[in-house]
Amino acid sequence: PSDFNEDGTAVDGVVLRLGNEEPGWAR
């Protein structure tokens, strides 16, 4: 959960693969 902002976007420095990841998804 700490990897995401309140609006669901990734915090700075966190890279998403699909763009719609959520807490618990593969990294």
mmCIF file of all heavy atoms, coordinates in Angstrom:
data_MODEL
# 
_entry.id   MODEL 
# 
loop_
_atom_site.group_PDB 
_atom_site.id 
_atom_site.type_symbol 
_atom_site.label_atom_id 
_atom_site.label_alt_id 
_atom_site.label_comp_id 
_atom_site.label_asym_id 
_atom_site.label_entity_id 
_atom_site.label_seq_id 
_atom_site.pdbx_PDB_ins_code 
_atom_site.Cartn_x 
_atom_site.Cartn_y 
_atom_site.Cartn_z 
_atom_site.occupancy 
_atom_site.B_iso_or_equiv 
_atom_site.pdbx_formal_charge 
_atom_site.auth_seq_id 
_atom_site.auth_comp_id 
_atom_site.auth_asym_id 
_atom_site.auth_atom_id 
_atom_site.pdbx_PDB_model_num 
ATOM 1   N N   . PRO A 1 1  ? 0.813  -1.225 0.000   1.00 0.00 ? 1  PRO A N   1 
ATOM 2   C CA  . PRO A 1 1  ? 0.000  0.000  0.000   1.00 0.00 ? 1  PRO A CA  1 
ATOM 3   C C   . PRO A 1 1  ? 0.841  1.267  0.000   1.00 0.00 ? 1  PRO A C   1 
ATOM 4   O O   . PRO A 1 1  ? 0.421  2.300  -0.575  1.00 0.00 ? 1  PRO A O   1 
ATOM 5   C CB  . PRO A 1 1  ? -0.827 -0.135 1.282   1.00 0.00 ? 1  PRO A CB  1 
ATOM 6   C CG  . PRO A 1 1  ? -0.917 -1.613 1.509   1.00 0.00 ? 1  PRO A CG  1 
ATOM 7   C CD  . PRO A 1 1  ? 0.392  -2.169 1.041   1.00 0.00 ? 1  PRO A CD  1 
ATOM 8   N N   . SER A 1 2  ? 2.027  1.219  0.603   1.00 0.00 ? 2  SER A N   1 
ATOM 9   C CA  . SER A 1 2  ? 2.875  2.409  0.652   1.00 0.00 ? 2  SER A CA  1 
ATOM 10  C C   . SER A 1 2  ? 3.437  2.803  -0.724  1.00 0.00 ? 2  SER A C   1 
ATOM 11  O O   . SER A 1 2  ? 4.005  3.881  -0.862  1.00 0.00 ? 2  SER A O   1 
ATOM 12  C CB  . SER A 1 2  ? 4.030  2.176  1.630   1.00 0.00 ? 2  SER A CB  1 
ATOM 13  O OG  . SER A 1 2  ? 4.794  1.041  1.248   1.00 0.00 ? 2  SER A OG  1 
ATOM 14  N N   . ASP A 1 3  ? 3.272  1.920  -1.711  1.00 0.00 ? 3  ASP A N   1 
ATOM 15  C CA  . ASP A 1 3  ? 3.763  2.220  -3.061  1.00 0.00 ? 3  ASP A CA  1 
ATOM 16  C C   . ASP A 1 3  ? 2.784  3.071  -3.861  1.00 0.00 ? 3  ASP A C   1 
ATOM 17  O O   . ASP A 1 3  ? 3.096  3.465  -4.997  1.00 0.00 ? 3  ASP A O   1 
ATOM 18  C CB  . ASP A 1 3  ? 4.038  0.923  -3.831  1.00 0.00 ? 3  ASP A CB  1 
ATOM 19  C CG  . ASP A 1 3  ? 5.166  0.110  -3.217  1.00 0.00 ? 3  ASP A CG  1 
ATOM 20  O OD1 . ASP A 1 3  ? 6.149  0.731  -2.761  1.00 0.00 ? 3  ASP A OD1 1 
ATOM 21  O OD2 . ASP A 1 3  ? 5.069  -1.133 -3.194  1.00 0.00 ? 3  ASP A OD2 1 
ATOM 22  N N   . PHE A 1 4  ? 1.597  3.382  -3.290  1.00 0.00 ? 4  PHE A N   1 
ATOM 23  C CA  . PHE A 1 4  ? 0.570  4.079  -4.038  1.00 0.00 ? 4  PHE A CA  1 
ATOM 24  C C   . PHE A 1 4  ? 0.090  5.309  -3.270  1.00 0.00 ? 4  PHE A C   1 
ATOM 25  O O   . PHE A 1 4  ? 0.059  5.325  -2.039  1.00 0.00 ? 4  PHE A O   1 
ATOM 26  C CB  . PHE A 1 4  ? -0.629 3.157  -4.309  1.00 0.00 ? 4  PHE A CB  1 
ATOM 27  C CG  . PHE A 1 4  ? -0.263 1.943  -5.132  1.00 0.00 ? 4  PHE A CG  1 
ATOM 28  C CD1 . PHE A 1 4  ? 0.131  0.765  -4.505  1.00 0.00 ? 4  PHE A CD1 1 
ATOM 29  C CD2 . PHE A 1 4  ? -0.305 1.984  -6.514  1.00 0.00 ? 4  PHE A CD2 1 
ATOM 30  C CE1 . PHE A 1 4  ? 0.460  -0.346 -5.240  1.00 0.00 ? 4  PHE A CE1 1 
ATOM 31  C CE2 . PHE A 1 4  ? 0.035  0.869  -7.264  1.00 0.00 ? 4  PHE A CE2 1 
ATOM 32  C CZ  . PHE A 1 4  ? 0.424  -0.298 -6.638  1.00 0.00 ? 4  PHE A CZ  1 
ATOM 33  N N   . ASN A 1 5  ? -0.274 6.312  -4.042  1.00 0.00 ? 5  ASN A N   1 
ATOM 34  C CA  . ASN A 1 5  ? -0.921 7.503  -3.478  1.00 0.00 ? 5  ASN A CA  1 
ATOM 35  C C   . ASN A 1 5  ? -2.389 7.201  -3.201  1.00 0.00 ? 5  ASN A C   1 
ATOM 36  O O   . ASN A 1 5  ? -2.918 6.146  -3.580  1.00 0.00 ? 5  ASN A O   1 
ATOM 37  C CB  . ASN A 1 5  ? -0.793 8.677  -4.440  1.00 0.00 ? 5  ASN A CB  1 
ATOM 38  C CG  . ASN A 1 5  ? 0.659  9.058  -4.697  1.00 0.00 ? 5  ASN A CG  1 
ATOM 39  O OD1 . ASN A 1 5  ? 1.434  9.252  -3.760  1.00 0.00 ? 5  ASN A OD1 1 
ATOM 40  N ND2 . ASN A 1 5  ? 1.029  9.154  -5.975  1.00 0.00 ? 5  ASN A ND2 1 
ATOM 41  N N   . GLU A 1 6  ? -3.085 8.156  -2.579  1.00 0.00 ? 6  GLU A N   1 
ATOM 42  C CA  . GLU A 1 6  ? -4.489 7.945  -2.251  1.00 0.00 ? 6  GLU A CA  1 
ATOM 43  C C   . GLU A 1 6  ? -5.352 7.791  -3.492  1.00 0.00 ? 6  GLU A C   1 
ATOM 44  O O   . GLU A 1 6  ? -6.380 7.116  -3.464  1.00 0.00 ? 6  GLU A O   1 
ATOM 45  C CB  . GLU A 1 6  ? -5.001 9.125  -1.399  1.00 0.00 ? 6  GLU A CB  1 
ATOM 46  C CG  . GLU A 1 6  ? -4.392 9.182  -0.003  1.00 0.00 ? 6  GLU A CG  1 
ATOM 47  C CD  . GLU A 1 6  ? -4.996 10.297 0.821   1.00 0.00 ? 6  GLU A CD  1 
ATOM 48  O OE1 . GLU A 1 6  ? -5.890 11.010 0.281   1.00 0.00 ? 6  GLU A OE1 1 
ATOM 49  O OE2 . GLU A 1 6  ? -4.602 10.465 1.984   1.00 0.00 ? 6  GLU A OE2 1 
ATOM 50  N N   . ASP A 1 7  ? -4.939 8.425  -4.601  1.00 0.00 ? 7  ASP A N   1 
ATOM 51  C CA  . ASP A 1 7  ? -5.719 8.293  -5.832  1.00 0.00 ? 7  ASP A CA  1 
ATOM 52  C C   . ASP A 1 7  ? -5.368 7.047  -6.640  1.00 0.00 ? 7  ASP A C   1 
ATOM 53  O O   . ASP A 1 7  ? -5.858 6.854  -7.761  1.00 0.00 ? 7  ASP A O   1 
ATOM 54  C CB  . ASP A 1 7  ? -5.543 9.529  -6.707  1.00 0.00 ? 7  ASP A CB  1 
ATOM 55  C CG  . ASP A 1 7  ? -4.074 9.747  -7.110  1.00 0.00 ? 7  ASP A CG  1 
ATOM 56  O OD1 . ASP A 1 7  ? -3.217 8.949  -6.694  1.00 0.00 ? 7  ASP A OD1 1 
ATOM 57  O OD2 . ASP A 1 7  ? -3.799 10.727 -7.844  1.00 0.00 ? 7  ASP A OD2 1 
ATOM 58  N N   . GLY A 1 8  ? -4.509 6.177  -6.098  1.00 0.00 ? 8  GLY A N   1 
ATOM 59  C CA  . GLY A 1 8  ? -4.168 4.927  -6.769  1.00 0.00 ? 8  GLY A CA  1 
ATOM 60  C C   . GLY A 1 8  ? -2.968 4.991  -7.682  1.00 0.00 ? 8  GLY A C   1 
ATOM 61  O O   . GLY A 1 8  ? -2.530 3.962  -8.200  1.00 0.00 ? 8  GLY A O   1 
ATOM 62  N N   . THR A 1 9  ? -2.422 6.197  -7.897  1.00 0.00 ? 9  THR A N   1 
ATOM 63  C CA  . THR A 1 9  ? -1.229 6.314  -8.726  1.00 0.00 ? 9  THR A CA  1 
ATOM 64  C C   . THR A 1 9  ? 0.006  5.921  -7.919  1.00 0.00 ? 9  THR A C   1 
ATOM 65  O O   . THR A 1 9  ? 0.009  5.965  -6.685  1.00 0.00 ? 9  THR A O   1 
ATOM 66  C CB  . THR A 1 9  ? -1.072 7.745  -9.252  1.00 0.00 ? 9  THR A CB  1 
ATOM 67  O OG1 . THR A 1 9  ? -0.969 8.642  -8.123  1.00 0.00 ? 9  THR A OG1 1 
ATOM 68  C CG2 . THR A 1 9  ? -2.247 8.134  -10.121 1.00 0.00 ? 9  THR A CG2 1 
ATOM 69  N N   . ALA A 1 10 ? 1.049  5.517  -8.633  1.00 0.00 ? 10 ALA A N   1 
ATOM 70  C CA  . ALA A 1 10 ? 2.275  5.085  -7.968  1.00 0.00 ? 10 ALA A CA  1 
ATOM 71  C C   . ALA A 1 10 ? 3.025  6.288  -7.419  1.00 0.00 ? 10 ALA A C   1 
ATOM 72  O O   . ALA A 1 10 ? 3.048  7.365  -8.032  1.00 0.00 ? 10 ALA A O   1 
ATOM 73  C CB  . ALA A 1 10 ? 3.157  4.314  -8.946  1.00 0.00 ? 10 ALA A CB  1 
ATOM 74  N N   . VAL A 1 11 ? 3.627  6.120  -6.253  1.00 0.00 ? 11 VAL A N   1 
ATOM 75  C CA  . VAL A 1 11 ? 4.444  7.174  -5.682  1.00 0.00 ? 11 VAL A CA  1 
ATOM 76  C C   . VAL A 1 11 ? 5.708  7.329  -6.526  1.00 0.00 ? 11 VAL A C   1 
ATOM 77  O O   . VAL A 1 11 ? 6.077  6.452  -7.318  1.00 0.00 ? 11 VAL A O   1 
ATOM 78  C CB  . VAL A 1 11 ? 4.797  6.869  -4.212  1.00 0.00 ? 11 VAL A CB  1 
ATOM 79  C CG1 . VAL A 1 11 ? 3.539  6.703  -3.373  1.00 0.00 ? 11 VAL A CG1 1 
ATOM 80  C CG2 . VAL A 1 11 ? 5.661  5.613  -4.113  1.00 0.00 ? 11 VAL A CG2 1 
ATOM 81  N N   . ASP A 1 12 ? 6.387  8.439  -6.356  1.00 0.00 ? 12 ASP A N   1 
ATOM 82  C CA  . ASP A 1 12 ? 7.608  8.691  -7.122  1.00 0.00 ? 12 ASP A CA  1 
ATOM 83  C C   . ASP A 1 12 ? 8.624  7.576  -6.885  1.00 0.00 ? 12 ASP A C   1 
ATOM 84  O O   . ASP A 1 12 ? 8.882  7.164  -5.743  1.00 0.00 ? 12 ASP A O   1 
ATOM 85  C CB  . ASP A 1 12 ? 8.208  10.036 -6.712  1.00 0.00 ? 12 ASP A CB  1 
ATOM 86  C CG  . ASP A 1 12 ? 7.340  11.215 -7.161  1.00 0.00 ? 12 ASP A CG  1 
ATOM 87  O OD1 . ASP A 1 12 ? 6.501  11.003 -8.059  1.00 0.00 ? 12 ASP A OD1 1 
ATOM 88  O OD2 . ASP A 1 12 ? 7.491  12.308 -6.587  1.00 0.00 ? 12 ASP A OD2 1 
ATOM 89  N N   . GLY A 1 13 ? 9.208  7.107  -7.987  1.00 0.00 ? 13 GLY A N   1 
ATOM 90  C CA  . GLY A 1 13 ? 10.229 6.065  -7.903  1.00 0.00 ? 13 GLY A CA  1 
ATOM 91  C C   . GLY A 1 13 ? 9.698  4.657  -8.016  1.00 0.00 ? 13 GLY A C   1 
ATOM 92  O O   . GLY A 1 13 ? 10.482 3.715  -8.163  1.00 0.00 ? 13 GLY A O   1 
ATOM 93  N N   . VAL A 1 14 ? 8.387  4.462  -7.939  1.00 0.00 ? 14 VAL A N   1 
ATOM 94  C CA  . VAL A 1 14 ? 7.785  3.139  -8.070  1.00 0.00 ? 14 VAL A CA  1 
ATOM 95  C C   . VAL A 1 14 ? 7.357  2.937  -9.526  1.00 0.00 ? 14 VAL A C   1 
ATOM 96  O O   . VAL A 1 14 ? 6.620  3.754  -10.081 1.00 0.00 ? 14 VAL A O   1 
ATOM 97  C CB  . VAL A 1 14 ? 6.579  2.967  -7.128  1.00 0.00 ? 14 VAL A CB  1 
ATOM 98  C CG1 . VAL A 1 14 ? 5.880  1.639  -7.384  1.00 0.00 ? 14 VAL A CG1 1 
ATOM 99  C CG2 . VAL A 1 14 ? 7.035  3.056  -5.677  1.00 0.00 ? 14 VAL A CG2 1 
ATOM 100 N N   . VAL A 1 15 ? 7.817  1.884  -10.142 1.00 0.00 ? 15 VAL A N   1 
ATOM 101 C CA  . VAL A 1 15 ? 7.549  1.629  -11.558 1.00 0.00 ? 15 VAL A CA  1 
ATOM 102 C C   . VAL A 1 15 ? 6.482  0.546  -11.688 1.00 0.00 ? 15 VAL A C   1 
ATOM 103 O O   . VAL A 1 15 ? 6.601  -0.529 -11.090 1.00 0.00 ? 15 VAL A O   1 
ATOM 104 C CB  . VAL A 1 15 ? 8.836  1.194  -12.287 1.00 0.00 ? 15 VAL A CB  1 
ATOM 105 C CG1 . VAL A 1 15 ? 8.545  0.941  -13.761 1.00 0.00 ? 15 VAL A CG1 1 
ATOM 106 C CG2 . VAL A 1 15 ? 9.918  2.249  -12.116 1.00 0.00 ? 15 VAL A CG2 1 
ATOM 107 N N   . LEU A 1 16 ? 5.433  0.830  -12.449 1.00 0.00 ? 16 LEU A N   1 
ATOM 108 C CA  . LEU A 1 16 ? 4.378  -0.136 -12.718 1.00 0.00 ? 16 LEU A CA  1 
ATOM 109 C C   . LEU A 1 16 ? 4.606  -0.785 -14.076 1.00 0.00 ? 16 LEU A C   1 
ATOM 110 O O   . LEU A 1 16 ? 5.138  -0.160 -14.998 1.00 0.00 ? 16 LEU A O   1 
ATOM 111 C CB  . LEU A 1 16 ? 3.013  0.552  -12.693 1.00 0.00 ? 16 LEU A CB  1 
ATOM 112 C CG  . LEU A 1 16 ? 2.641  1.316  -11.421 1.00 0.00 ? 16 LEU A CG  1 
ATOM 113 C CD1 . LEU A 1 16 ? 1.253  1.924  -11.556 1.00 0.00 ? 16 LEU A CD1 1 
ATOM 114 C CD2 . LEU A 1 16 ? 2.708  0.421  -10.192 1.00 0.00 ? 16 LEU A CD2 1 
ATOM 115 N N   . ARG A 1 17 ? 4.157  -2.015 -14.202 1.00 0.00 ? 17 ARG A N   1 
ATOM 116 C CA  . ARG A 1 17 ? 4.307  -2.698 -15.480 1.00 0.00 ? 17 ARG A CA  1 
ATOM 117 C C   . ARG A 1 17 ? 3.081  -2.514 -16.358 1.00 0.00 ? 17 ARG A C   1 
ATOM 118 O O   . ARG A 1 17 ? 3.190  -2.217 -17.544 1.00 0.00 ? 17 ARG A O   1 
ATOM 119 C CB  . ARG A 1 17 ? 4.551  -4.193 -15.249 1.00 0.00 ? 17 ARG A CB  1 
ATOM 120 C CG  . ARG A 1 17 ? 4.644  -4.998 -16.539 1.00 0.00 ? 17 ARG A CG  1 
ATOM 121 C CD  . ARG A 1 17 ? 5.068  -6.434 -16.268 1.00 0.00 ? 17 ARG A CD  1 
ATOM 122 N NE  . ARG A 1 17 ? 5.131  -7.183 -17.512 1.00 0.00 ? 17 ARG A NE  1 
ATOM 123 C CZ  . ARG A 1 17 ? 4.140  -7.919 -17.998 1.00 0.00 ? 17 ARG A CZ  1 
ATOM 124 N NH1 . ARG A 1 17 ? 3.003  -7.994 -17.324 1.00 0.00 ? 17 ARG A NH1 1 
ATOM 125 N NH2 . ARG A 1 17 ? 4.265  -8.584 -19.129 1.00 0.00 ? 17 ARG A NH2 1 
ATOM 126 N N   . LEU A 1 18 ? 1.889  -2.707 -15.782 1.00 0.00 ? 18 LEU A N   1 
ATOM 127 C CA  . LEU A 1 18 ? 0.658  -2.605 -16.561 1.00 0.00 ? 18 LEU A CA  1 
ATOM 128 C C   . LEU A 1 18 ? 0.000  -1.249 -16.435 1.00 0.00 ? 18 LEU A C   1 
ATOM 129 O O   . LEU A 1 18 ? -0.777 -0.853 -17.297 1.00 0.00 ? 18 LEU A O   1 
ATOM 130 C CB  . LEU A 1 18 ? -0.327 -3.698 -16.121 1.00 0.00 ? 18 LEU A CB  1 
ATOM 131 C CG  . LEU A 1 18 ? 0.180  -5.145 -16.236 1.00 0.00 ? 18 LEU A CG  1 
ATOM 132 C CD1 . LEU A 1 18 ? -0.866 -6.106 -15.698 1.00 0.00 ? 18 LEU A CD1 1 
ATOM 133 C CD2 . LEU A 1 18 ? 0.532  -5.470 -17.669 1.00 0.00 ? 18 LEU A CD2 1 
ATOM 134 N N   . GLY A 1 19 ? 0.288  -0.542 -15.352 1.00 0.00 ? 19 GLY A N   1 
ATOM 135 C CA  . GLY A 1 19 ? -0.305 0.770  -15.147 1.00 0.00 ? 19 GLY A CA  1 
ATOM 136 C C   . GLY A 1 19 ? -1.501 0.765  -14.228 1.00 0.00 ? 19 GLY A C   1 
ATOM 137 O O   . GLY A 1 19 ? -1.892 1.814  -13.708 1.00 0.00 ? 19 GLY A O   1 
ATOM 138 N N   . ASN A 1 20 ? -2.129 -0.394 -14.013 1.00 0.00 ? 20 ASN A N   1 
ATOM 139 C CA  . ASN A 1 20 ? -3.308 -0.481 -13.140 1.00 0.00 ? 20 ASN A CA  1 
ATOM 140 C C   . ASN A 1 20 ? -3.071 -1.376 -11.940 1.00 0.00 ? 20 ASN A C   1 
ATOM 141 O O   . ASN A 1 20 ? -4.006 -1.927 -11.359 1.00 0.00 ? 20 ASN A O   1 
ATOM 142 C CB  . ASN A 1 20 ? -4.514 -0.984 -13.934 1.00 0.00 ? 20 ASN A CB  1 
ATOM 143 C CG  . ASN A 1 20 ? -4.282 -2.382 -14.488 1.00 0.00 ? 20 ASN A CG  1 
ATOM 144 O OD1 . ASN A 1 20 ? -3.148 -2.811 -14.611 1.00 0.00 ? 20 ASN A OD1 1 
ATOM 145 N ND2 . ASN A 1 20 ? -5.368 -3.064 -14.848 1.00 0.00 ? 20 ASN A ND2 1 
ATOM 146 N N   . GLU A 1 21 ? -1.805 -1.548 -11.561 1.00 0.00 ? 21 GLU A N   1 
ATOM 147 C CA  . GLU A 1 21 ? -1.485 -2.399 -10.427 1.00 0.00 ? 21 GLU A CA  1 
ATOM 148 C C   . GLU A 1 21 ? -2.107 -1.880 -9.132  1.00 0.00 ? 21 GLU A C   1 
ATOM 149 O O   . GLU A 1 21 ? -2.393 -0.685 -8.993  1.00 0.00 ? 21 GLU A O   1 
ATOM 150 C CB  . GLU A 1 21 ? 0.034  -2.518 -10.254 1.00 0.00 ? 21 GLU A CB  1 
ATOM 151 C CG  . GLU A 1 21 ? 0.695  -3.522 -11.172 1.00 0.00 ? 21 GLU A CG  1 
ATOM 152 C CD  . GLU A 1 21 ? 1.064  -2.944 -12.532 1.00 0.00 ? 21 GLU A CD  1 
ATOM 153 O OE1 . GLU A 1 21 ? 0.559  -1.862 -12.895 1.00 0.00 ? 21 GLU A OE1 1 
ATOM 154 O OE2 . GLU A 1 21 ? 1.855  -3.582 -13.232 1.00 0.00 ? 21 GLU A OE2 1 
ATOM 155 N N   . GLU A 1 22 ? -2.256 -2.818 -8.198  1.00 0.00 ? 22 GLU A N   1 
ATOM 156 C CA  . GLU A 1 22 ? -2.770 -2.519 -6.873  1.00 0.00 ? 22 GLU A CA  1 
ATOM 157 C C   . GLU A 1 22 ? -1.892 -3.228 -5.852  1.00 0.00 ? 22 GLU A C   1 
ATOM 158 O O   . GLU A 1 22 ? -1.078 -4.079 -6.211  1.00 0.00 ? 22 GLU A O   1 
ATOM 159 C CB  . GLU A 1 22 ? -4.226 -2.996 -6.746  1.00 0.00 ? 22 GLU A CB  1 
ATOM 160 C CG  . GLU A 1 22 ? -5.188 -2.332 -7.730  1.00 0.00 ? 22 GLU A CG  1 
ATOM 161 C CD  . GLU A 1 22 ? -6.579 -2.934 -7.633  1.00 0.00 ? 22 GLU A CD  1 
ATOM 162 O OE1 . GLU A 1 22 ? -6.795 -3.780 -6.733  1.00 0.00 ? 22 GLU A OE1 1 
ATOM 163 O OE2 . GLU A 1 22 ? -7.441 -2.561 -8.447  1.00 0.00 ? 22 GLU A OE2 1 
ATOM 164 N N   . PRO A 1 23 ? -2.052 -2.895 -4.552  1.00 0.00 ? 23 PRO A N   1 
ATOM 165 C CA  . PRO A 1 23 ? -1.285 -3.613 -3.532  1.00 0.00 ? 23 PRO A CA  1 
ATOM 166 C C   . PRO A 1 23 ? -1.520 -5.124 -3.635  1.00 0.00 ? 23 PRO A C   1 
ATOM 167 O O   . PRO A 1 23 ? -2.645 -5.585 -3.802  1.00 0.00 ? 23 PRO A O   1 
ATOM 168 C CB  . PRO A 1 23 ? -1.836 -3.055 -2.224  1.00 0.00 ? 23 PRO A CB  1 
ATOM 169 C CG  . PRO A 1 23 ? -2.278 -1.671 -2.577  1.00 0.00 ? 23 PRO A CG  1 
ATOM 170 C CD  . PRO A 1 23 ? -2.826 -1.766 -3.967  1.00 0.00 ? 23 PRO A CD  1 
ATOM 171 N N   . GLY A 1 24 ? -0.412 -5.883 -3.562  1.00 0.00 ? 24 GLY A N   1 
ATOM 172 C CA  . GLY A 1 24 ? -0.495 -7.333 -3.666  1.00 0.00 ? 24 GLY A CA  1 
ATOM 173 C C   . GLY A 1 24 ? -0.214 -7.882 -5.041  1.00 0.00 ? 24 GLY A C   1 
ATOM 174 O O   . GLY A 1 24 ? -0.067 -9.092 -5.203  1.00 0.00 ? 24 GLY A O   1 
ATOM 175 N N   . TRP A 1 25 ? -0.121 -7.002 -6.058  1.00 0.00 ? 25 TRP A N   1 
ATOM 176 C CA  . TRP A 1 25 ? 0.173  -7.481 -7.411  1.00 0.00 ? 25 TRP A CA  1 
ATOM 177 C C   . TRP A 1 25 ? 1.681  -7.727 -7.556  1.00 0.00 ? 25 TRP A C   1 
ATOM 178 O O   . TRP A 1 25 ? 2.499  -7.187 -6.822  1.00 0.00 ? 25 TRP A O   1 
ATOM 179 C CB  . TRP A 1 25 ? -0.273 -6.449 -8.443  1.00 0.00 ? 25 TRP A CB  1 
ATOM 180 C CG  . TRP A 1 25 ? -1.756 -6.479 -8.701  1.00 0.00 ? 25 TRP A CG  1 
ATOM 181 C CD1 . TRP A 1 25 ? -2.735 -6.742 -7.796  1.00 0.00 ? 25 TRP A CD1 1 
ATOM 182 C CD2 . TRP A 1 25 ? -2.396 -6.215 -9.937  1.00 0.00 ? 25 TRP A CD2 1 
ATOM 183 N NE1 . TRP A 1 25 ? -3.961 -6.655 -8.387  1.00 0.00 ? 25 TRP A NE1 1 
ATOM 184 C CE2 . TRP A 1 25 ? -3.788 -6.330 -9.706  1.00 0.00 ? 25 TRP A CE2 1 
ATOM 185 C CE3 . TRP A 1 25 ? -1.951 -5.870 -11.199 1.00 0.00 ? 25 TRP A CE3 1 
ATOM 186 C CZ2 . TRP A 1 25 ? -4.725 -6.135 -10.713 1.00 0.00 ? 25 TRP A CZ2 1 
ATOM 187 C CZ3 . TRP A 1 25 ? -2.885 -5.667 -12.203 1.00 0.00 ? 25 TRP A CZ3 1 
ATOM 188 C CH2 . TRP A 1 25 ? -4.260 -5.807 -11.962 1.00 0.00 ? 25 TRP A CH2 1 
ATOM 189 N N   . ALA A 1 26 ? 2.019  -8.558 -8.542  1.00 0.00 ? 26 ALA A N   1 
ATOM 190 C CA  . ALA A 1 26 ? 3.413  -8.910 -8.784  1.00 0.00 ? 26 ALA A CA  1 
ATOM 191 C C   . ALA A 1 26 ? 4.229  -7.689 -9.199  1.00 0.00 ? 26 ALA A C   1 
ATOM 192 O O   . ALA A 1 26 ? 3.758  -6.820 -9.934  1.00 0.00 ? 26 ALA A O   1 
ATOM 193 C CB  . ALA A 1 26 ? 3.504  -9.990 -9.862  1.00 0.00 ? 26 ALA A CB  1 
ATOM 194 N N   . ARG A 1 27 ? 5.467  -7.657 -8.745  1.00 0.00 ? 27 ARG A N   1 
ATOM 195 C CA  . ARG A 1 27 ? 6.359  -6.521 -9.015  1.00 0.00 ? 27 ARG A CA  1 
ATOM 196 C C   . ARG A 1 27 ? 7.663  -7.049 -9.634  1.00 0.00 ? 27 ARG A C   1 
ATOM 197 O O   . ARG A 1 27 ? 8.139  -8.132 -9.264  1.00 0.00 ? 27 ARG A O   1 
ATOM 198 C CB  . ARG A 1 27 ? 6.668  -5.788 -7.708  1.00 0.00 ? 27 ARG A CB  1 
ATOM 199 C CG  . ARG A 1 27 ? 7.496  -4.523 -7.859  1.00 0.00 ? 27 ARG A CG  1 
ATOM 200 C CD  . ARG A 1 27 ? 7.567  -3.799 -6.523  1.00 0.00 ? 27 ARG A CD  1 
ATOM 201 N NE  . ARG A 1 27 ? 8.229  -2.507 -6.634  1.00 0.00 ? 27 ARG A NE  1 
ATOM 202 C CZ  . ARG A 1 27 ? 8.258  -1.590 -5.675  1.00 0.00 ? 27 ARG A CZ  1 
ATOM 203 N NH1 . ARG A 1 27 ? 7.652  -1.844 -4.515  1.00 0.00 ? 27 ARG A NH1 1 
ATOM 204 N NH2 . ARG A 1 27 ? 8.855  -0.440 -5.854  1.00 0.00 ? 27 ARG A NH2 1 
# 
